[in-house]
């Protein structure tokens, strides 16, 4: 087939395709992406805000490639097999609906499934014209002229450093699949974390172009560096910081609503594609400052002294499969020293943040204390707020952890939650219950409470709680909230678990000033005195005079 000269320019083909599909004409940014797809280097990466249409545009690009050369083999890889198949299905729809592509319809003797299909003029080959695969599939053995890696990074496969390392190794396999000299690898994606694998592509010889939803300020432009789309840089004098760059798709009002929904950090990733950590102090709560131990939740006693240390030995002492959602270089550590003397906890506190204000879960945390060291023995969230099952579950958690004091967030509900919980606690586990209220900005209050505790390494966490927490949706996880919390208002979409942890720690604040060594010594002296008194009474029937040794 002779292709008209105008259709040899991909953005013209894109306009024609969108018209036949009764879609609005491509926007300026979409045309810009089309040019980069056509004229970009062999190793390219397109990063654009959520909803920019990059997958659909690239699907049209695949069709255009077959229009130019029907012998091309294209491999589509996504984080999930389903997403890759969706890409393939839409590509087939274009072939069947566009008159200019009619000759590309598979013949009866050719492959025609959504998993793999051939285009009509393609010669017989082991490799289909188009093949869709998940990133965890067996990639070895495939061959392609063009690899389209469409959102290979997802929230489910990039939460931890171990996951990111595995994903990074997997995508290296592309180099053995692509045909030499003529082959091309094209990444499409939106970063899921500040440590996105897309940040590593430049080191592997890829050229990245980024299209954020808003025109960035001067500082952000510096952070993007060479990655910011050339067309945006060239028109910088016509734009001001915060302007919507694709108002036909997302205007200023829409973007403001999405920022409120995603939270600032989520919006920065999903819509601004900004993965930079501009300030080392931006995220003050480090997972590395915690002390991680096994079985803490079941302890009735605790060591008189626990010593923190940050070393490779302490990192290696923990299970390497322990899920870590922290930022780069932030690792959990085991204690360097644990004393052999154990003592009863000095108290156990439960904090509760009832569901309300649009939330559908009730969060709680239980923190025990001994000698100025805090122990996080339980934390979680429960479905519902005022249902009896939720209240009973909270009471049972309090009983299991021998809680003596319960503090409840009272910023809403007018004390109703307390009145409902009190009789259930009285029946299952009687203890003191009180409300607490705060008018300070939540983010600052949480950081001001927890940062001194973290910096002095006075919080011990059961490693099983880390595994339990990891089962939650990422943004609902305590340790995700912990490592991403900043002093910026609404920096997180969800902050329920880190909030209840801070509430529980607040109760113990007055006890944290004690010297750990002196506290352990006093505890030993007290135990020795009790044992001496018991011995004297049992052996000679003589009670020890508290003021003397005789």
Protein backbone atom coordinates (compact mmCIF):
# COMPACT_ATOMS: atom_id res chain seq x y z
CA UNK A 1 0.00 0.00 0.00
CA UNK A 2 1.20 3.50 -0.91
CA UNK A 3 0.93 5.76 2.13
CA UNK A 4 0.05 9.40 1.49
CA UNK A 5 2.92 11.75 2.32
CA UNK A 6 0.95 13.54 5.03
CA UNK A 7 0.31 10.30 6.90
CA UNK A 8 4.03 9.65 7.10
CA UNK A 9 3.93 12.25 9.86
CA UNK A 10 2.50 10.47 12.90
CA UNK A 11 0.63 13.43 14.41
CA UNK A 12 -1.37 13.74 11.18
CA UNK A 13 -2.29 10.08 11.49
CA UNK A 14 -3.23 10.68 15.11
CA UNK A 15 -5.61 13.48 14.11
CA UNK A 16 -7.26 11.20 11.53
CA UNK A 17 -7.60 8.32 14.02
CA UNK A 18 -9.18 10.52 16.72
CA UNK A 19 -11.60 11.95 14.16
CA UNK A 20 -12.76 8.49 13.07
CA UNK A 21 -13.24 7.50 16.73
CA UNK A 22 -15.31 10.65 17.32
CA UNK A 23 -12.83 11.86 19.93
CA UNK A 24 -11.92 15.52 20.48
CA UNK A 25 -8.94 16.62 18.38
CA UNK A 26 -5.58 15.90 20.04
CA UNK A 27 -4.39 18.62 22.39
CA UNK A 28 -1.13 20.51 21.99
CA UNK A 29 0.58 18.27 24.55
CA UNK A 30 -0.71 15.14 22.83
CA UNK A 31 0.70 16.37 19.51
CA UNK A 32 3.93 17.09 21.32
CA UNK A 33 4.06 13.50 22.62
CA UNK A 34 3.31 12.26 19.09
CA UNK A 35 6.34 14.10 17.73
CA UNK A 36 8.56 12.63 20.44
CA UNK A 37 7.28 9.13 19.72
CA UNK A 38 8.12 9.51 16.05
CA UNK A 39 11.39 11.40 16.21
CA UNK A 40 12.72 10.42 19.64
CA UNK A 41 15.81 8.22 20.09
CA UNK A 42 15.87 4.42 20.13
CA UNK A 43 15.63 4.46 23.91
CA UNK A 44 12.87 6.83 24.97
CA UNK A 45 10.72 7.40 28.04
CA UNK A 46 7.45 9.34 28.02
CA UNK A 47 6.23 10.54 31.42
CA UNK A 48 2.95 12.40 31.44
CA UNK A 49 0.33 13.22 34.03
CA UNK A 50 -2.51 10.81 34.75
CA UNK A 51 -5.16 11.04 32.04
CA UNK A 52 -2.90 12.62 29.41
CA UNK A 53 -3.80 9.83 26.97
CA UNK A 54 -0.26 8.52 26.51
CA UNK A 55 -1.37 4.86 26.24
CA UNK A 56 -4.00 5.57 23.59
CA UNK A 57 -1.58 7.73 21.62
CA UNK A 58 1.04 5.00 21.74
CA UNK A 59 -1.52 2.44 20.65
CA UNK A 60 -2.14 4.60 17.58
CA UNK A 61 1.65 4.83 17.19
CA UNK A 62 1.83 1.02 16.98
CA UNK A 63 -0.74 1.06 14.17
CA UNK A 64 1.17 3.81 12.38
CA UNK A 65 4.33 1.68 12.59
CA UNK A 66 2.57 -1.19 10.81
CA UNK A 67 1.20 1.27 8.26
CA UNK A 68 4.79 2.27 7.54
CA UNK A 69 6.17 -1.28 7.76
CA UNK A 70 3.78 -4.24 8.31
CA UNK A 71 6.70 -6.57 8.99
CA UNK A 72 7.44 -4.98 12.37
CA UNK A 73 7.07 -7.04 15.55
CA UNK A 74 5.82 -5.09 18.56
CA UNK A 75 5.91 -6.35 22.16
CA UNK A 76 3.65 -4.66 24.74
CA UNK A 77 4.63 -5.12 28.40
CA UNK A 78 2.70 -3.78 31.38
CA UNK A 79 2.70 -4.25 35.14
CA UNK A 80 -0.22 -6.66 34.75
CA UNK A 81 -1.18 -8.99 31.93
CA UNK A 82 -4.67 -7.47 31.94
CA UNK A 83 -3.37 -3.97 31.25
CA UNK A 84 -1.14 -5.22 28.43
CA UNK A 85 -4.12 -7.04 26.91
CA UNK A 86 -6.21 -3.85 27.15
CA UNK A 87 -3.53 -2.05 25.14
CA UNK A 88 -3.61 -4.82 22.53
CA UNK A 89 -7.43 -4.79 22.39
CA UNK A 90 -7.58 -1.04 21.75
CA UNK A 91 -4.93 -1.40 19.06
CA UNK A 92 -7.06 -4.03 17.31
CA UNK A 93 -10.07 -1.74 17.56
CA UNK A 94 -8.16 0.95 15.69
CA UNK A 95 -7.22 -1.54 12.96
CA UNK A 96 -10.84 -2.63 12.52
CA UNK A 97 -12.40 0.84 12.62
CA UNK A 98 -10.02 2.99 10.57
CA UNK A 99 -10.47 2.65 6.79
CA UNK A 100 -6.82 3.49 6.20
CA UNK A 101 -5.85 0.42 8.27
CA UNK A 102 -8.30 -2.05 6.76
CA UNK A 103 -5.53 -3.94 4.98
CA UNK A 104 -3.93 -4.62 8.38
CA UNK A 105 -6.80 -6.83 9.57
CA UNK A 106 -5.53 -10.37 10.31
CA UNK A 107 -6.29 -12.98 7.67
CA UNK A 108 -8.10 -16.20 8.58
CA UNK A 109 -4.82 -18.10 8.68
CA UNK A 110 -3.15 -15.58 11.01
CA UNK A 111 -3.14 -15.05 14.78
CA UNK A 112 -5.97 -12.80 15.91
CA UNK A 113 -6.35 -13.00 19.70
CA UNK A 114 -5.92 -10.13 22.13
CA UNK A 115 -2.82 -11.88 23.50
CA UNK A 116 -1.10 -11.95 20.11
CA UNK A 117 -2.13 -11.07 16.60
CA UNK A 118 -0.70 -10.53 13.14
CA UNK A 119 -1.39 -7.78 10.64
CA UNK A 120 -2.57 -8.82 7.18
CA UNK A 121 0.56 -8.16 5.09
CA UNK A 122 2.91 -9.70 7.68
CA UNK A 123 4.97 -12.67 6.50
CA UNK A 124 4.92 -15.90 8.48
CA UNK A 125 7.05 -15.60 11.63
CA UNK A 126 7.51 -17.16 15.06
CA UNK A 127 6.97 -13.68 16.52
CA UNK A 128 3.48 -12.16 16.05
CA UNK A 129 2.99 -8.62 14.85
CA UNK A 130 1.77 -7.72 18.34
CA UNK A 131 2.21 -9.62 21.60
CA UNK A 132 1.05 -8.50 25.07
CA UNK A 133 2.70 -9.68 28.29
CA UNK A 134 2.80 -8.85 31.97
CA UNK A 135 6.15 -7.76 33.41
CA UNK A 136 6.27 -10.93 35.54
CA UNK A 137 5.77 -13.17 32.48
CA UNK A 138 8.55 -15.20 30.89
CA UNK A 139 10.06 -12.57 28.60
CA UNK A 140 13.01 -14.67 27.49
CA UNK A 141 12.59 -15.97 23.96
CA UNK A 142 10.52 -13.08 22.67
CA UNK A 143 11.77 -10.91 19.77
CA UNK A 144 10.63 -7.44 18.80
CA UNK A 145 11.43 -4.39 16.70
CA UNK A 146 9.63 -2.18 19.20
CA UNK A 147 9.03 -2.79 22.91
CA UNK A 148 6.30 -0.64 24.45
CA UNK A 149 6.65 -0.76 28.23
CA UNK A 150 3.32 0.74 29.28
CA UNK A 151 3.18 1.49 33.02
CA UNK A 152 5.44 -1.42 34.00
CA UNK A 153 5.80 0.30 37.40
CA UNK A 154 2.67 0.12 39.51
CA UNK A 155 1.74 0.72 43.14
CA UNK A 156 1.76 -3.07 43.69
CA UNK A 157 5.26 -3.77 42.37
CA UNK A 158 7.23 -0.72 43.55
CA UNK A 159 6.34 -0.18 47.21
CA UNK A 160 9.56 -1.56 48.64
CA UNK A 161 13.20 -1.26 47.65
CA UNK A 162 13.36 -5.02 47.11
CA UNK A 163 10.43 -4.81 44.68
CA UNK A 164 12.04 -1.91 42.83
CA UNK A 165 15.34 -3.79 42.57
CA UNK A 166 13.59 -6.83 41.12
CA UNK A 167 11.66 -4.69 38.65
CA UNK A 168 14.82 -2.88 37.63
CA UNK A 169 16.53 -6.20 36.90
CA UNK A 170 13.53 -7.46 34.93
CA UNK A 171 13.44 -4.53 32.53
CA UNK A 172 17.11 -5.14 31.70
CA UNK A 173 15.80 -8.22 29.89
CA UNK A 174 14.45 -5.87 27.18
CA UNK A 175 17.95 -5.48 25.76
CA UNK A 176 18.11 -9.19 24.94
CA UNK A 177 14.66 -9.12 23.30
CA UNK A 178 15.05 -6.10 21.06
CA UNK A 179 16.47 -6.64 17.58
CA UNK A 180 19.97 -5.20 17.18
CA UNK A 181 20.54 -1.84 15.50
CA UNK A 182 16.94 -1.28 14.36
CA UNK A 183 15.16 -2.10 17.62
CA UNK A 184 13.57 0.52 19.89
CA UNK A 185 12.47 0.50 23.54
CA UNK A 186 9.75 2.92 24.60
CA UNK A 187 8.70 3.42 28.22
CA UNK A 188 5.40 5.07 29.11
CA UNK A 189 4.67 5.76 32.72
CA UNK A 190 3.77 7.77 35.75
CA UNK A 191 6.12 7.41 38.76
CA UNK A 192 4.57 5.59 41.73
CA UNK A 193 7.18 6.50 44.32
CA UNK A 194 9.91 9.07 44.90
CA UNK A 195 12.34 6.26 44.07
CA UNK A 196 10.74 5.38 40.73
CA UNK A 197 12.68 3.08 38.42
CA UNK A 198 12.08 5.66 35.69
CA UNK A 199 14.71 7.79 37.43
CA UNK A 200 17.33 5.18 36.55
CA UNK A 201 16.63 5.11 32.82
CA UNK A 202 18.80 8.12 32.01
CA UNK A 203 21.80 6.20 33.38
CA UNK A 204 20.98 3.42 30.88
CA UNK A 205 21.04 5.74 27.90
CA UNK A 206 17.34 6.63 27.71
CA UNK A 207 16.07 10.10 26.88
CA UNK A 208 13.12 11.14 29.06
CA UNK A 209 10.52 13.78 28.31
CA UNK A 210 8.16 14.86 31.07
CA UNK A 211 4.82 16.60 30.59
CA UNK A 212 3.44 17.74 33.98
CA UNK A 213 -0.13 18.94 34.45
CA UNK A 214 0.95 22.41 35.57
CA UNK A 215 3.77 24.69 34.55
CA UNK A 216 6.37 24.25 37.31
CA UNK A 217 8.02 27.03 39.29
CA UNK A 218 11.70 27.89 38.85
CA UNK A 219 12.87 25.47 41.54
CA UNK A 220 10.90 22.58 40.07
CA UNK A 221 12.21 23.37 36.57
CA UNK A 222 15.72 22.94 37.96
CA UNK A 223 14.71 19.62 39.51
CA UNK A 224 13.39 18.32 36.18
CA UNK A 225 16.60 19.34 34.41
CA UNK A 226 16.81 18.07 30.84
CA UNK A 227 13.77 15.83 31.32
CA UNK A 228 11.15 18.58 31.11
CA UNK A 229 9.54 18.50 27.66
CA UNK A 230 11.41 20.72 25.23
CA UNK A 231 8.23 22.43 24.01
CA UNK A 232 7.40 23.50 27.58
CA UNK A 233 10.84 25.01 28.10
CA UNK A 234 10.63 26.83 24.75
CA UNK A 235 7.33 28.45 25.79
CA UNK A 236 8.35 29.26 29.35
CA UNK A 237 8.15 33.02 28.74
CA UNK A 238 4.45 32.69 27.90
CA UNK A 239 3.57 30.76 31.06
CA UNK A 240 3.57 31.35 34.79
CA UNK A 241 3.99 28.85 37.60
CA UNK A 242 0.79 26.91 38.28
CA UNK A 243 -0.79 27.38 34.83
CA UNK A 244 -2.58 24.27 33.54
CA UNK A 245 -0.53 22.97 30.62
CA UNK A 246 -3.38 21.01 29.04
CA UNK A 247 -6.52 22.97 30.04
CA UNK A 248 -8.68 21.15 27.47
CA UNK A 249 -8.24 18.00 29.56
CA UNK A 250 -7.70 19.39 33.06
CA UNK A 251 -8.37 23.03 33.85
CA UNK A 252 -7.25 24.85 37.00
CA UNK A 253 -10.38 23.97 38.98
CA UNK A 254 -10.13 20.29 38.07
CA UNK A 255 -6.46 20.16 39.06
CA UNK A 256 -7.21 21.84 42.40
CA UNK A 257 -9.86 19.20 43.12
CA UNK A 258 -7.47 16.40 42.22
CA UNK A 259 -4.71 17.86 44.39
CA UNK A 260 -7.11 17.95 47.34
CA UNK A 261 -8.06 14.32 46.68
CA UNK A 262 -4.57 12.92 46.10
CA UNK A 263 -2.77 15.00 48.74
CA UNK A 264 0.25 17.09 47.86
CA UNK A 265 2.75 14.25 47.74
CA UNK A 266 0.44 12.06 45.64
CA UNK A 267 -0.37 14.93 43.29
CA UNK A 268 3.32 15.73 42.95
CA UNK A 269 3.96 12.19 41.70
CA UNK A 270 0.84 11.48 39.67
CA UNK A 271 0.30 14.86 38.02
CA UNK A 272 3.56 16.79 38.33
CA UNK A 273 5.85 13.74 37.95
CA UNK A 274 8.26 15.30 40.41
CA UNK A 275 10.24 12.62 42.26
CA UNK A 276 12.93 14.87 43.69
CA UNK A 277 13.62 15.15 47.38
CA UNK A 278 14.66 18.77 47.47
CA UNK A 279 15.35 18.89 51.22
CA UNK A 280 16.84 16.08 53.32
CA UNK A 281 14.84 17.37 56.27
CA UNK A 282 11.60 17.37 54.33
CA UNK A 283 10.78 13.90 55.66
CA UNK A 284 11.89 14.01 59.32
CA UNK A 285 10.60 10.59 60.44
CA UNK A 286 13.09 7.91 59.39
CA UNK A 287 12.39 4.18 59.58
CA UNK A 288 16.08 3.79 60.36
CA UNK A 289 15.52 5.45 63.77
CA UNK A 290 13.18 2.67 64.90
CA UNK A 291 14.30 -0.47 66.75
CA UNK A 292 12.79 -3.57 65.16
CA UNK A 293 12.36 -6.77 67.19
CA UNK A 294 10.37 -9.99 66.92
CA UNK A 295 7.52 -10.97 69.21
CA UNK A 296 7.15 -7.64 71.01
CA UNK A 297 3.36 -7.78 70.78
CA UNK A 298 3.23 -10.90 72.98
CA UNK A 299 5.66 -9.67 75.67
CA UNK A 300 4.43 -9.36 79.24
CA UNK A 301 7.84 -8.02 80.24
CA UNK A 302 10.52 -6.05 78.43
CA UNK A 303 14.33 -5.76 78.64
CA UNK A 304 15.64 -3.25 81.11
CA UNK A 305 17.80 -1.73 78.37
CA UNK A 306 17.80 -1.80 74.56
CA UNK A 307 20.54 -0.10 72.55
CA UNK A 308 20.09 1.16 68.96
CA UNK A 309 22.82 1.22 66.35
CA UNK A 310 22.89 1.90 62.64
CA UNK A 311 25.21 -0.57 61.01
CA UNK A 312 25.19 -3.17 58.27
CA UNK A 313 25.13 -5.89 60.93
CA UNK A 314 21.88 -4.50 62.39
CA UNK A 315 20.33 -4.30 58.93
CA UNK A 316 21.38 -7.87 58.07
CA UNK A 317 20.07 -9.16 61.39
CA UNK A 318 16.50 -8.70 60.12
CA UNK A 319 14.64 -10.77 57.57
CA UNK A 320 15.67 -9.40 54.13
CA UNK A 321 12.09 -10.05 52.95
CA UNK A 322 10.67 -7.69 55.60
CA UNK A 323 8.70 -5.19 53.49
CA UNK A 324 10.29 -1.74 53.53
CA UNK A 325 8.28 1.11 52.01
CA UNK A 326 10.78 3.75 53.15
CA UNK A 327 12.66 6.17 50.94
CA UNK A 328 16.05 5.41 49.43
CA UNK A 329 18.67 4.48 52.00
CA UNK A 330 16.14 4.22 54.85
CA UNK A 331 16.46 0.73 56.33
CA UNK A 332 15.08 -1.01 59.41
CA UNK A 333 17.62 -2.03 62.04
CA UNK A 334 17.69 -4.60 64.82
CA UNK A 335 18.98 -3.61 68.29
CA UNK A 336 22.72 -3.79 68.92
CA UNK A 337 22.29 -4.80 72.57
CA UNK A 338 19.41 -6.17 74.64
CA UNK A 339 19.88 -6.61 78.38
CA UNK A 340 19.15 -9.99 79.92
CA UNK A 341 17.09 -8.54 82.76
CA UNK A 342 13.37 -8.22 82.04
CA UNK A 343 10.82 -6.14 83.94
CA UNK A 344 7.07 -5.56 83.88
CA UNK A 345 5.85 -2.77 81.61
CA UNK A 346 5.10 0.43 83.50
CA UNK A 347 1.89 0.99 81.57
CA UNK A 348 -0.05 0.40 78.35
CA UNK A 349 -1.97 3.11 76.46
CA UNK A 350 -4.45 2.85 73.60
CA UNK A 351 -5.27 5.79 71.33
CA UNK A 352 -8.30 5.79 69.03
CA UNK A 353 -9.30 7.97 66.09
CA UNK A 354 -12.96 7.15 65.35
CA UNK A 355 -14.24 7.05 61.81
CA UNK A 356 -15.83 10.31 60.75
CA UNK A 357 -15.62 13.26 58.40
CA UNK A 358 -15.85 11.02 55.37
CA UNK A 359 -13.53 8.35 56.77
CA UNK A 360 -14.85 4.81 56.93
CA UNK A 361 -12.30 3.24 59.28
CA UNK A 362 -11.47 3.61 62.95
CA UNK A 363 -7.72 3.71 63.65
CA UNK A 364 -6.04 2.67 66.88
CA UNK A 365 -2.57 2.24 68.35
CA UNK A 366 -1.30 0.62 71.55
CA UNK A 367 2.01 1.76 73.06
CA UNK A 368 3.62 0.37 76.22
CA UNK A 369 6.46 1.91 78.22
CA UNK A 370 9.39 0.72 80.31
CA UNK A 371 12.29 2.83 81.53
CA UNK A 372 11.70 5.59 78.99
CA UNK A 373 11.51 3.16 76.02
CA UNK A 374 8.21 2.90 74.10
CA UNK A 375 6.94 -0.31 72.54
CA UNK A 376 4.43 -0.30 69.69
CA UNK A 377 2.61 -3.58 70.28
CA UNK A 378 -0.47 -3.15 68.11
CA UNK A 379 -1.81 -0.79 65.48
CA UNK A 380 -4.49 -1.02 62.86
CA UNK A 381 -7.77 0.19 61.49
CA UNK A 382 -11.22 -1.33 61.71
CA UNK A 383 -14.18 -1.09 59.40
CA UNK A 384 -16.88 1.30 60.61
CA UNK A 385 -16.95 3.66 63.52
CA UNK A 386 -19.88 3.19 65.87
CA UNK A 387 -20.88 -0.40 65.07
CA UNK A 388 -20.84 -2.77 68.02
CA UNK A 389 -18.38 -5.14 66.31
CA UNK A 390 -15.86 -2.30 65.96
CA UNK A 391 -16.27 -1.34 69.62
CA UNK A 392 -15.92 -4.95 70.78
CA UNK A 393 -12.78 -5.44 68.66
CA UNK A 394 -11.24 -2.34 70.24
CA UNK A 395 -12.08 -3.57 73.73
CA UNK A 396 -10.59 -7.00 72.99
CA UNK A 397 -7.40 -5.37 71.67
CA UNK A 398 -7.21 -3.34 74.88
CA UNK A 399 -7.64 -6.52 76.95
CA UNK A 400 -5.01 -8.45 74.98
CA UNK A 401 -2.48 -5.66 75.61
CA UNK A 402 -3.47 -5.01 79.22
CA UNK A 403 -4.31 -1.36 78.44
CA UNK A 404 -4.84 0.85 81.48
CA UNK A 405 -5.67 4.11 79.72
CA UNK A 406 -7.60 4.91 76.51
CA UNK A 407 -7.42 8.30 74.80
CA UNK A 408 -9.85 9.19 72.01
CA UNK A 409 -9.72 11.94 69.41
CA UNK A 410 -12.75 14.15 70.11
CA UNK A 411 -12.66 16.64 67.26
CA UNK A 412 -16.02 15.39 66.11
CA UNK A 413 -18.92 13.32 67.49
CA UNK A 414 -19.48 15.35 70.65
CA UNK A 415 -18.25 12.48 72.83
CA UNK A 416 -20.71 9.98 71.36
CA UNK A 417 -17.97 7.44 70.60
CA UNK A 418 -16.81 7.54 74.24
CA UNK A 419 -20.30 6.96 75.57
CA UNK A 420 -20.75 3.96 73.28
CA UNK A 421 -17.33 2.47 74.05
CA UNK A 422 -17.43 2.94 77.85
CA UNK A 423 -20.01 0.20 78.67
CA UNK A 424 -18.30 -2.29 76.34
CA UNK A 425 -14.91 -1.60 77.93
CA UNK A 426 -16.47 -1.89 81.38
CA UNK A 427 -17.73 -5.37 80.45
CA UNK A 428 -14.65 -6.67 78.62
CA UNK A 429 -11.70 -4.74 80.05
CA UNK A 430 -12.33 -1.95 82.60
CA UNK A 431 -9.90 0.95 82.28
CA UNK A 432 -9.72 4.73 82.21
CA UNK A 433 -11.08 6.41 79.07
CA UNK A 434 -10.69 10.10 78.20
CA UNK A 435 -11.05 12.44 75.25
CA UNK A 436 -8.31 14.58 73.77
CA UNK A 437 -8.57 17.57 71.50
CA UNK A 438 -6.00 19.53 69.53
CA UNK A 439 -6.19 22.77 67.58
CA UNK A 440 -2.61 22.63 66.24
CA UNK A 441 -2.06 21.80 62.56
CA UNK A 442 -2.07 18.02 62.49
CA UNK A 443 1.13 17.50 60.49
CA UNK A 444 3.19 19.76 62.74
CA UNK A 445 1.71 18.24 65.89
CA UNK A 446 2.56 14.70 64.76
CA UNK A 447 6.13 15.59 63.78
CA UNK A 448 6.76 17.64 66.93
CA UNK A 449 5.60 14.66 69.01
CA UNK A 450 7.37 11.85 67.18
CA UNK A 451 10.60 13.39 65.90
CA UNK A 452 12.30 13.65 69.34
CA UNK A 453 11.30 10.05 70.09
CA UNK A 454 12.69 8.87 66.77
CA UNK A 455 15.88 10.88 67.08
CA UNK A 456 16.58 9.38 70.51
CA UNK A 457 15.70 5.87 69.25
CA UNK A 458 13.10 5.21 71.90
CA UNK A 459 10.45 3.43 69.84
CA UNK A 460 10.56 -0.36 69.51
CA UNK A 461 8.33 -1.99 66.89
CA UNK A 462 7.31 -5.61 66.47
CA UNK A 463 8.38 -6.72 62.99
CA UNK A 464 5.11 -8.66 62.64
CA UNK A 465 3.27 -5.32 62.74
CA UNK A 466 5.30 -4.26 59.69
CA UNK A 467 4.06 -7.31 57.79
CA UNK A 468 0.49 -6.74 58.99
CA UNK A 469 0.67 -3.08 57.97
CA UNK A 470 1.97 -3.96 54.52
CA UNK A 471 -1.25 -5.83 53.75
CA UNK A 472 -3.16 -2.52 53.74
CA UNK A 473 -3.46 -0.26 50.71
CA UNK A 474 -0.22 1.67 50.36
CA UNK A 475 -1.49 5.09 51.44
CA UNK A 476 -3.22 3.55 54.47
CA UNK A 477 0.00 1.93 55.72
CA UNK A 478 1.56 3.34 58.90
CA UNK A 479 5.13 3.07 57.66
CA UNK A 480 4.29 4.68 54.32
CA UNK A 481 2.64 7.59 56.18
CA UNK A 482 5.58 7.73 58.57
CA UNK A 483 8.25 8.05 55.89
CA UNK A 484 6.27 10.53 53.69
CA UNK A 485 4.99 12.90 56.36
CA UNK A 486 6.07 16.54 56.00
CA UNK A 487 5.08 19.76 57.75
CA UNK A 488 3.02 20.80 54.74
CA UNK A 489 -0.72 20.88 55.31
CA UNK A 490 -2.52 17.95 53.65
CA UNK A 491 0.78 16.44 52.49
CA UNK A 492 -0.76 12.96 52.81
CA UNK A 493 -4.05 11.68 51.51
CA UNK A 494 -4.41 9.53 54.63
CA UNK A 495 -2.71 10.06 58.00
CA UNK A 496 -4.93 8.08 60.38
CA UNK A 497 -2.36 5.55 61.62
CA UNK A 498 0.54 7.96 62.11
CA UNK A 499 -1.91 10.24 63.93
CA UNK A 500 -3.01 7.61 66.47
CA UNK A 501 0.63 6.63 67.04
CA UNK A 502 1.42 10.25 67.89
CA UNK A 503 -1.59 10.40 70.21
CA UNK A 504 -0.37 7.38 72.17
CA UNK A 505 3.21 8.66 72.31
CA UNK A 506 1.94 12.03 73.59
CA UNK A 507 0.66 10.32 76.75
CA UNK A 508 4.15 9.05 77.54
CA UNK A 509 5.98 12.28 76.75
CA UNK A 510 6.44 13.22 80.42
CA UNK A 511 8.12 9.88 81.12
CA UNK A 512 10.64 10.05 78.32
CA UNK A 513 12.98 12.46 80.05
CA UNK A 514 14.29 9.82 82.37
CA UNK A 515 17.77 8.43 81.84
CA UNK A 516 17.49 4.89 80.52
CA UNK A 517 20.59 3.62 82.37
CA UNK A 518 19.47 5.11 85.70
CA UNK A 519 15.95 3.81 85.15
CA UNK A 520 17.27 0.30 84.56
CA UNK A 521 19.46 0.55 87.70
CA UNK A 522 16.53 1.74 89.80
CA UNK A 523 14.40 -1.10 88.46
CA UNK A 524 17.10 -3.62 89.39
CA UNK A 525 17.46 -2.14 92.88
CA UNK A 526 13.70 -2.28 93.39
CA UNK A 527 13.55 -5.90 92.25
CA UNK A 528 16.50 -6.79 94.50
CA UNK A 529 14.80 -5.19 97.47
CA UNK A 530 11.59 -7.13 96.80
CA UNK A 531 13.49 -10.40 96.45
CA UNK A 532 15.44 -9.71 99.67
CA UNK A 533 12.28 -9.00 101.60
CA UNK A 534 10.67 -12.19 100.28
CA UNK A 535 13.75 -14.23 101.17
CA UNK A 536 14.00 -12.86 104.73
CA UNK A 537 10.33 -13.42 105.40
CA UNK A 538 10.31 -16.96 104.04
CA UNK A 539 13.52 -18.13 105.73
CA UNK A 540 13.57 -16.46 109.13
CA UNK A 541 10.11 -14.98 109.35
CA UNK A 542 11.58 -11.49 109.65
CA UNK A 543 10.33 -8.50 107.68
CA UNK A 544 12.98 -6.19 106.35
CA UNK A 545 13.04 -2.69 107.82
CA UNK A 546 12.69 -0.41 104.80
CA UNK A 547 15.16 1.99 106.30
CA UNK A 548 17.96 -0.45 106.92
CA UNK A 549 19.48 -3.76 105.83
CA UNK A 550 18.66 -5.53 109.11
